[in-house]
């Protein structure tokens, strides 16, 4: 399947097939599964919180199976951030 991830500036489509994930060259415009949000979308990649928490406070619009896909693709990572990253 495919998952479209977009913020106000960029879009990317992940193609998921048999346990492998690849970025497709041309983002799908009307993807069945999508995560659309603001700048907070980067928090999914970093893994600062659970995907469900990030989607809720980031006010993401999720469609299709996106809620289930982000839980698997972007788990909580417990990143180590330097103090200056908080400002």
PDB file of N, CA and C in Angstrom:
ATOM      1  N   UNK A   1       0.819  -1.182   0.000  1.00  0.00           N
ATOM      2  CA  UNK A   1       0.000   0.000   0.000  1.00  0.00           C
ATOM      3  C   UNK A   1       0.866   1.249   0.000  1.00  0.00           C
ATOM      4  N   UNK A   2       0.211   2.369   0.126  1.00  0.00           N
ATOM      5  CA  UNK A   2       0.897   3.652   0.121  1.00  0.00           C
ATOM      6  C   UNK A   2       0.402   4.516   1.277  1.00  0.00           C
ATOM      7  N   UNK A   3       1.279   5.377   1.757  1.00  0.00           N
ATOM      8  CA  UNK A   3       0.930   6.335   2.800  1.00  0.00           C
ATOM      9  C   UNK A   3       1.484   7.691   2.386  1.00  0.00           C
ATOM     10  N   UNK A   4       0.599   8.655   2.197  1.00  0.00           N
ATOM     11  CA  UNK A   4       0.988  10.019   1.889  1.00  0.00           C
ATOM     12  C   UNK A   4       1.211  10.765   3.200  1.00  0.00           C
ATOM     13  N   UNK A   5       2.336  11.451   3.317  1.00  0.00           N
ATOM     14  CA  UNK A   5       2.636  12.279   4.490  1.00  0.00           C
ATOM     15  C   UNK A   5       2.881  13.685   3.957  1.00  0.00           C
ATOM     16  N   UNK A   6       2.137  14.659   4.480  1.00  0.00           N
ATOM     17  CA  UNK A   6       2.320  16.019   3.965  1.00  0.00           C
ATOM     18  C   UNK A   6       2.214  17.056   5.071  1.00  0.00           C
ATOM     19  N   UNK A   7       2.983  18.118   4.883  1.00  0.00           N
ATOM     20  CA  UNK A   7       2.888  19.304   5.729  1.00  0.00           C
ATOM     21  C   UNK A   7       2.670  20.482   4.769  1.00  0.00           C
ATOM     22  N   UNK A   8       2.609  21.704   5.256  1.00  0.00           N
ATOM     23  CA  UNK A   8       2.316  22.820   4.358  1.00  0.00           C
ATOM     24  C   UNK A   8       3.330  23.021   3.223  1.00  0.00           C
ATOM     25  N   UNK A   9       4.546  22.507   3.388  1.00  0.00           N
ATOM     26  CA  UNK A   9       5.576  22.750   2.376  1.00  0.00           C
ATOM     27  C   UNK A   9       5.911  21.558   1.499  1.00  0.00           C
ATOM     28  N   UNK A  10       5.770  20.349   2.022  1.00  0.00           N
ATOM     29  CA  UNK A  10       6.234  19.178   1.280  1.00  0.00           C
ATOM     30  C   UNK A  10       5.278  18.003   1.404  1.00  0.00           C
ATOM     31  N   UNK A  11       5.389  17.096   0.423  1.00  0.00           N
ATOM     32  CA  UNK A  11       4.619  15.849   0.420  1.00  0.00           C
ATOM     33  C   UNK A  11       5.550  14.712   0.044  1.00  0.00           C
ATOM     34  N   UNK A  12       5.297  13.557   0.640  1.00  0.00           N
ATOM     35  CA  UNK A  12       6.053  12.365   0.284  1.00  0.00           C
ATOM     36  C   UNK A  12       5.114  11.167   0.398  1.00  0.00           C
ATOM     37  N   UNK A  13       5.297  10.206  -0.473  1.00  0.00           N
ATOM     38  CA  UNK A  13       4.504   8.992  -0.410  1.00  0.00           C
ATOM     39  C   UNK A  13       5.422   7.818  -0.098  1.00  0.00           C
ATOM     40  N   UNK A  14       5.060   7.062   0.927  1.00  0.00           N
ATOM     41  CA  UNK A  14       5.791   5.853   1.272  1.00  0.00           C
ATOM     42  C   UNK A  14       5.080   4.670   0.635  1.00  0.00           C
ATOM     43  N   UNK A  15       5.813   3.856  -0.074  1.00  0.00           N
ATOM     44  CA  UNK A  15       5.262   2.635  -0.661  1.00  0.00           C
ATOM     45  C   UNK A  15       5.668   1.483   0.238  1.00  0.00           C
ATOM     46  N   UNK A  16       4.675   0.749   0.717  1.00  0.00           N
ATOM     47  CA  UNK A  16       4.897  -0.324   1.676  1.00  0.00           C
ATOM     48  C   UNK A  16       4.538  -1.649   1.011  1.00  0.00           C
ATOM     49  N   UNK A  17       5.527  -2.564   0.966  1.00  0.00           N
ATOM     50  CA  UNK A  17       5.299  -3.835   0.286  1.00  0.00           C
ATOM     51  C   UNK A  17       6.118  -4.936   0.936  1.00  0.00           C
ATOM     52  N   UNK A  18       5.450  -5.909   1.520  1.00  0.00           N
ATOM     53  CA  UNK A  18       6.084  -7.090   2.117  1.00  0.00           C
ATOM     54  C   UNK A  18       7.212  -6.757   3.089  1.00  0.00           C
ATOM     55  N   UNK A  19       6.932  -5.851   4.008  1.00  0.00           N
ATOM     56  CA  UNK A  19       7.896  -5.508   5.040  1.00  0.00           C
ATOM     57  C   UNK A  19       8.946  -4.496   4.634  1.00  0.00           C
ATOM     58  N   UNK A  20       8.887  -4.016   3.400  1.00  0.00           N
ATOM     59  CA  UNK A  20       9.837  -3.009   2.935  1.00  0.00           C
ATOM     60  C   UNK A  20       9.112  -1.691   2.718  1.00  0.00           C
ATOM     61  N   UNK A  21       9.795  -0.599   3.033  1.00  0.00           N
ATOM     62  CA  UNK A  21       9.237   0.739   2.864  1.00  0.00           C
ATOM     63  C   UNK A  21      10.176   1.536   1.974  1.00  0.00           C
ATOM     64  N   UNK A  22       9.619   2.167   0.937  1.00  0.00           N
ATOM     65  CA  UNK A  22      10.413   2.994   0.026  1.00  0.00           C
ATOM     66  C   UNK A  22       9.678   4.300  -0.240  1.00  0.00           C
ATOM     67  N   UNK A  23      10.446   5.341  -0.496  1.00  0.00           N
ATOM     68  CA  UNK A  23       9.868   6.629  -0.865  1.00  0.00           C
ATOM     69  C   UNK A  23       9.667   6.625  -2.372  1.00  0.00           C
ATOM     70  N   UNK A  24       8.447   6.924  -2.813  1.00  0.00           N
ATOM     71  CA  UNK A  24       8.186   6.974  -4.246  1.00  0.00           C
ATOM     72  C   UNK A  24       8.583   8.335  -4.790  1.00  0.00           C
ATOM     73  N   UNK A  25       8.904   8.360  -6.058  1.00  0.00           N
ATOM     74  CA  UNK A  25       9.376   9.598  -6.674  1.00  0.00           C
ATOM     75  C   UNK A  25       8.284  10.651  -6.813  1.00  0.00           C
ATOM     76  N   UNK A  26       7.081  10.211  -7.092  1.00  0.00           N
ATOM     77  CA  UNK A  26       6.001  11.164  -7.311  1.00  0.00           C
ATOM     78  C   UNK A  26       4.927  10.977  -6.240  1.00  0.00           C
ATOM     79  N   UNK A  27       4.749  11.963  -5.363  1.00  0.00           N
ATOM     80  CA  UNK A  27       3.735  11.838  -4.311  1.00  0.00           C
ATOM     81  C   UNK A  27       2.323  11.705  -4.873  1.00  0.00           C
ATOM     82  N   UNK A  28       1.534  10.826  -4.275  1.00  0.00           N
ATOM     83  CA  UNK A  28       0.135  10.648  -4.668  1.00  0.00           C
ATOM     84  C   UNK A  28      -0.680  11.834  -4.172  1.00  0.00           C
ATOM     85  N   UNK A  29      -1.530  12.377  -5.000  1.00  0.00           N
ATOM     86  CA  UNK A  29      -2.346  13.531  -4.613  1.00  0.00           C
ATOM     87  C   UNK A  29      -3.574  13.109  -3.805  1.00  0.00           C
ATOM     88  N   UNK A  30      -4.231  12.048  -4.214  1.00  0.00           N
ATOM     89  CA  UNK A  30      -5.456  11.609  -3.548  1.00  0.00           C
ATOM     90  C   UNK A  30      -5.232  10.228  -2.940  1.00  0.00           C
ATOM     91  N   UNK A  31      -4.310  10.140  -2.020  1.00  0.00           N
ATOM     92  CA  UNK A  31      -3.981   8.860  -1.406  1.00  0.00           C
ATOM     93  C   UNK A  31      -5.098   8.399  -0.484  1.00  0.00           C
ATOM     94  N   UNK A  32      -5.357   7.110  -0.498  1.00  0.00           N
ATOM     95  CA  UNK A  32      -6.369   6.527   0.385  1.00  0.00           C
ATOM     96  C   UNK A  32      -5.936   6.633   1.844  1.00  0.00           C
ATOM     97  N   UNK A  33      -4.643   6.403   2.095  1.00  0.00           N
ATOM     98  CA  UNK A  33      -4.078   6.496   3.439  1.00  0.00           C
ATOM     99  C   UNK A  33      -3.193   7.731   3.493  1.00  0.00           C
ATOM    100  N   UNK A  34      -3.531   8.663   4.375  1.00  0.00           N
ATOM    101  CA  UNK A  34      -2.728   9.880   4.427  1.00  0.00           C
ATOM    102  C   UNK A  34      -2.653  10.473   5.826  1.00  0.00           C
ATOM    103  N   UNK A  35      -1.543  11.180   6.051  1.00  0.00           N
ATOM    104  CA  UNK A  35      -1.318  11.956   7.265  1.00  0.00           C
ATOM    105  C   UNK A  35      -1.044  13.369   6.785  1.00  0.00           C
ATOM    106  N   UNK A  36      -1.929  14.290   7.129  1.00  0.00           N
ATOM    107  CA  UNK A  36      -1.756  15.684   6.719  1.00  0.00           C
ATOM    108  C   UNK A  36      -1.742  16.539   7.970  1.00  0.00           C
ATOM    109  N   UNK A  37      -0.731  17.385   8.068  1.00  0.00           N
ATOM    110  CA  UNK A  37      -0.613  18.205   9.260  1.00  0.00           C
ATOM    111  C   UNK A  37       0.337  19.358   9.067  1.00  0.00           C
ATOM    112  N   UNK A  38       0.702  19.963  10.173  1.00  0.00           N
ATOM    113  CA  UNK A  38       1.599  21.104  10.148  1.00  0.00           C
ATOM    114  C   UNK A  38       3.034  20.692  10.409  1.00  0.00           C
ATOM    115  N   UNK A  39       3.791  21.635  10.899  1.00  0.00           N
ATOM    116  CA  UNK A  39       5.210  21.432  11.159  1.00  0.00           C
ATOM    117  C   UNK A  39       5.479  20.296  12.148  1.00  0.00           C
ATOM    118  N   UNK A  40       4.501  19.970  12.978  1.00  0.00           N
ATOM    119  CA  UNK A  40       4.690  18.936  14.006  1.00  0.00           C
ATOM    120  C   UNK A  40       4.892  17.538  13.408  1.00  0.00           C
ATOM    121  N   UNK A  41       4.657  17.389  12.133  1.00  0.00           N
ATOM    122  CA  UNK A  41       4.796  16.078  11.498  1.00  0.00           C
ATOM    123  C   UNK A  41       6.207  15.525  11.669  1.00  0.00           C
ATOM    124  N   UNK A  42       7.194  16.402  11.780  1.00  0.00           N
ATOM    125  CA  UNK A  42       8.569  15.953  11.967  1.00  0.00           C
ATOM    126  C   UNK A  42       8.727  15.179  13.275  1.00  0.00           C
ATOM    127  N   UNK A  43       7.873  15.442  14.249  1.00  0.00           N
ATOM    128  CA  UNK A  43       7.946  14.723  15.525  1.00  0.00           C
ATOM    129  C   UNK A  43       7.715  13.226  15.334  1.00  0.00           C
ATOM    130  N   UNK A  44       6.959  12.839  14.299  1.00  0.00           N
ATOM    131  CA  UNK A  44       6.792  11.413  14.017  1.00  0.00           C
ATOM    132  C   UNK A  44       8.137  10.778  13.682  1.00  0.00           C
ATOM    133  N   UNK A  45       8.929  11.470  12.869  1.00  0.00           N
ATOM    134  CA  UNK A  45      10.217  10.932  12.446  1.00  0.00           C
ATOM    135  C   UNK A  45      11.209  10.835  13.597  1.00  0.00           C
ATOM    136  N   UNK A  46      11.168  11.808  14.483  1.00  0.00           N
ATOM    137  CA  UNK A  46      12.096  11.829  15.615  1.00  0.00           C
ATOM    138  C   UNK A  46      11.655  10.842  16.692  1.00  0.00           C
ATOM    139  N   UNK A  47      10.347  10.646  16.843  1.00  0.00           N
ATOM    140  CA  UNK A  47       9.838   9.695  17.832  1.00  0.00           C
ATOM    141  C   UNK A  47       9.814  10.227  19.241  1.00  0.00           C
ATOM    142  N   UNK A  48       9.539  11.537  19.394  1.00  0.00           N
ATOM    143  CA  UNK A  48       9.545  12.141  20.720  1.00  0.00           C
ATOM    144  C   UNK A  48       8.413  11.665  21.616  1.00  0.00           C
ATOM    145  N   UNK A  49       7.289  11.293  21.025  1.00  0.00           N
ATOM    146  CA  UNK A  49       6.113  10.807  21.752  1.00  0.00           C
ATOM    147  C   UNK A  49       5.477   9.702  20.924  1.00  0.00           C
ATOM    148  N   UNK A  50       4.409   9.116  21.439  1.00  0.00           N
ATOM    149  CA  UNK A  50       3.727   8.093  20.652  1.00  0.00           C
ATOM    150  C   UNK A  50       3.067   8.758  19.442  1.00  0.00           C
ATOM    151  N   UNK A  51       2.928   8.050  18.338  1.00  0.00           N
ATOM    152  CA  UNK A  51       2.296   8.624  17.156  1.00  0.00           C
ATOM    153  C   UNK A  51       0.874   9.130  17.427  1.00  0.00           C
ATOM    154  N   UNK A  52       0.159   8.424  18.292  1.00  0.00           N
ATOM    155  CA  UNK A  52      -1.212   8.842  18.627  1.00  0.00           C
ATOM    156  C   UNK A  52      -1.216  10.201  19.325  1.00  0.00           C
ATOM    157  N   UNK A  53      -0.278  10.408  20.254  1.00  0.00           N
ATOM    158  CA  UNK A  53      -0.188  11.690  20.960  1.00  0.00           C
ATOM    159  C   UNK A  53       0.205  12.818  20.003  1.00  0.00           C
ATOM    160  N   UNK A  54       1.173  12.553  19.150  1.00  0.00           N
ATOM    161  CA  UNK A  54       1.623  13.564  18.198  1.00  0.00           C
ATOM    162  C   UNK A  54       0.490  13.933  17.245  1.00  0.00           C
ATOM    163  N   UNK A  55      -0.229  12.943  16.757  1.00  0.00           N
ATOM    164  CA  UNK A  55      -1.344  13.209  15.839  1.00  0.00           C
ATOM    165  C   UNK A  55      -2.439  14.021  16.511  1.00  0.00           C
ATOM    166  N   UNK A  56      -2.684  13.751  17.790  1.00  0.00           N
ATOM    167  CA  UNK A  56      -3.728  14.472  18.516  1.00  0.00           C
ATOM    168  C   UNK A  56      -3.347  15.923  18.761  1.00  0.00           C
ATOM    169  N   UNK A  57      -2.168  16.180  19.361  1.00  0.00           N
ATOM    170  CA  UNK A  57      -1.826  17.576  19.657  1.00  0.00           C
ATOM    171  C   UNK A  57      -1.366  18.333  18.431  1.00  0.00           C
ATOM    172  N   UNK A  58      -0.947  17.605  17.391  1.00  0.00           N
ATOM    173  CA  UNK A  58      -0.570  18.258  16.144  1.00  0.00           C
ATOM    174  C   UNK A  58      -1.756  18.508  15.237  1.00  0.00           C
ATOM    175  N   UNK A  59      -2.929  18.010  15.649  1.00  0.00           N
ATOM    176  CA  UNK A  59      -4.168  18.147  14.888  1.00  0.00           C
ATOM    177  C   UNK A  59      -4.010  17.651  13.446  1.00  0.00           C
ATOM    178  N   UNK A  60      -3.441  16.465  13.308  1.00  0.00           N
ATOM    179  CA  UNK A  60      -3.276  15.857  11.991  1.00  0.00           C
ATOM    180  C   UNK A  60      -4.617  15.387  11.467  1.00  0.00           C
ATOM    181  N   UNK A  61      -4.751  15.383  10.166  1.00  0.00           N
ATOM    182  CA  UNK A  61      -5.909  14.771   9.512  1.00  0.00           C
ATOM    183  C   UNK A  61      -5.447  13.412   8.995  1.00  0.00           C
ATOM    184  N   UNK A  62      -6.020  12.362   9.532  1.00  0.00           N
ATOM    185  CA  UNK A  62      -5.658  11.002   9.149  1.00  0.00           C
ATOM    186  C   UNK A  62      -6.775  10.401   8.317  1.00  0.00           C
ATOM    187  N   UNK A  63      -6.408   9.718   7.234  1.00  0.00           N
ATOM    188  CA  UNK A  63      -7.424   9.054   6.421  1.00  0.00           C
ATOM    189  C   UNK A  63      -7.032   7.604   6.183  1.00  0.00           C
ATOM    190  N   UNK A  64      -8.026   6.789   5.886  1.00  0.00           N
ATOM    191  CA  UNK A  64      -7.779   5.376   5.626  1.00  0.00           C
ATOM    192  C   UNK A  64      -7.194   4.677   6.828  1.00  0.00           C
ATOM    193  N   UNK A  65      -6.156   3.922   6.600  1.00  0.00           N
ATOM    194  CA  UNK A  65      -5.489   3.147   7.658  1.00  0.00           C
ATOM    195  C   UNK A  65      -4.302   3.895   8.276  1.00  0.00           C
ATOM    196  N   UNK A  66      -4.234   5.196   8.072  1.00  0.00           N
ATOM    197  CA  UNK A  66      -3.086   5.984   8.535  1.00  0.00           C
ATOM    198  C   UNK A  66      -2.841   5.853  10.032  1.00  0.00           C
ATOM    199  N   UNK A  67      -3.882   5.814  10.829  1.00  0.00           N
ATOM    200  CA  UNK A  67      -3.712   5.713  12.285  1.00  0.00           C
ATOM    201  C   UNK A  67      -2.944   4.441  12.654  1.00  0.00           C
ATOM    202  N   UNK A  68      -3.258   3.350  11.993  1.00  0.00           N
ATOM    203  CA  UNK A  68      -2.585   2.082  12.277  1.00  0.00           C
ATOM    204  C   UNK A  68      -1.169   2.066  11.692  1.00  0.00           C
ATOM    205  N   UNK A  69      -1.013   2.670  10.511  1.00  0.00           N
ATOM    206  CA  UNK A  69       0.294   2.676   9.857  1.00  0.00           C
ATOM    207  C   UNK A  69       1.319   3.511  10.617  1.00  0.00           C
ATOM    208  N   UNK A  70       0.919   4.681  11.123  1.00  0.00           N
ATOM    209  CA  UNK A  70       1.896   5.508  11.841  1.00  0.00           C
ATOM    210  C   UNK A  70       2.337   4.861  13.143  1.00  0.00           C
ATOM    211  N   UNK A  71       1.449   4.082  13.745  1.00  0.00           N
ATOM    212  CA  UNK A  71       1.812   3.389  14.984  1.00  0.00           C
ATOM    213  C   UNK A  71       2.923   2.373  14.746  1.00  0.00           C
ATOM    214  N   UNK A  72       2.937   1.776  13.567  1.00  0.00           N
ATOM    215  CA  UNK A  72       3.951   0.772  13.229  1.00  0.00           C
ATOM    216  C   UNK A  72       5.211   1.423  12.651  1.00  0.00           C
ATOM    217  N   UNK A  73       5.024   2.403  11.785  1.00  0.00           N
ATOM    218  CA  UNK A  73       6.154   3.017  11.081  1.00  0.00           C
ATOM    219  C   UNK A  73       6.944   4.024  11.914  1.00  0.00           C
ATOM    220  N   UNK A  74       6.282   4.679  12.875  1.00  0.00           N
ATOM    221  CA  UNK A  74       6.920   5.757  13.631  1.00  0.00           C
ATOM    222  C   UNK A  74       6.751   5.561  15.145  1.00  0.00           C
ATOM    223  N   UNK A  75       7.328   4.508  15.704  1.00  0.00           N
ATOM    224  CA  UNK A  75       7.163   4.259  17.146  1.00  0.00           C
ATOM    225  C   UNK A  75       7.925   5.278  17.998  1.00  0.00           C
ATOM    226  N   UNK A  76       7.544   5.363  19.253  1.00  0.00           N
ATOM    227  CA  UNK A  76       8.241   6.192  20.238  1.00  0.00           C
ATOM    228  C   UNK A  76       9.687   5.726  20.312  1.00  0.00           C
ATOM    229  N   UNK A  77      10.647   6.660  20.207  1.00  0.00           N
ATOM    230  CA  UNK A  77      12.069   6.310  20.168  1.00  0.00           C
ATOM    231  C   UNK A  77      12.863   6.727  21.390  1.00  0.00           C
ATOM    232  N   UNK A  78      12.293   7.525  22.285  1.00  0.00           N
ATOM    233  CA  UNK A  78      13.030   8.055  23.433  1.00  0.00           C
ATOM    234  C   UNK A  78      14.325   8.747  22.983  1.00  0.00           C
ATOM    235  N   UNK A  79      14.207   9.754  22.108  1.00  0.00           N
ATOM    236  CA  UNK A  79      15.421  10.419  21.631  1.00  0.00           C
ATOM    237  C   UNK A  79      16.108  11.214  22.746  1.00  0.00           C
ATOM    238  N   UNK A  80      17.387  11.375  22.611  1.00  0.00           N
ATOM    239  CA  UNK A  80      18.151  12.184  23.542  1.00  0.00           C
ATOM    240  C   UNK A  80      18.343  13.540  22.887  1.00  0.00           C
ATOM    241  N   UNK A  81      17.771  14.568  23.488  1.00  0.00           N
ATOM    242  CA  UNK A  81      17.870  15.920  22.951  1.00  0.00           C
ATOM    243  C   UNK A  81      18.768  16.752  23.844  1.00  0.00           C
ATOM    244  N   UNK A  82      19.637  17.526  23.221  1.00  0.00           N
ATOM    245  CA  UNK A  82      20.459  18.417  24.030  1.00  0.00           C
ATOM    246  C   UNK A  82      19.586  19.548  24.566  1.00  0.00           C
ATOM    247  N   UNK A  83      20.025  20.181  25.597  1.00  0.00           N
ATOM    248  CA  UNK A  83      19.236  21.245  26.239  1.00  0.00           C
ATOM    249  C   UNK A  83      18.906  22.369  25.258  1.00  0.00           C
ATOM    250  N   UNK A  84      19.814  22.656  24.346  1.00  0.00           N
ATOM    251  CA  UNK A  84      19.569  23.770  23.442  1.00  0.00           C
ATOM    252  C   UNK A  84      18.492  23.447  22.405  1.00  0.00           C
ATOM    253  N   UNK A  85      18.149  22.193  22.194  1.00  0.00           N
ATOM    254  CA  UNK A  85      17.078  21.827  21.276  1.00  0.00           C
ATOM    255  C   UNK A  85      15.698  22.176  21.821  1.00  0.00           C
ATOM    256  N   UNK A  86      15.587  22.503  23.080  1.00  0.00           N
ATOM    257  CA  UNK A  86      14.299  22.845  23.678  1.00  0.00           C
ATOM    258  C   UNK A  86      13.939  24.299  23.478  1.00  0.00           C
ATOM    259  N   UNK A  87      14.832  25.119  22.949  1.00  0.00           N
ATOM    260  CA  UNK A  87      14.572  26.552  22.816  1.00  0.00           C
ATOM    261  C   UNK A  87      14.478  26.971  21.377  1.00  0.00           C
TER     262      UNK A  87
END
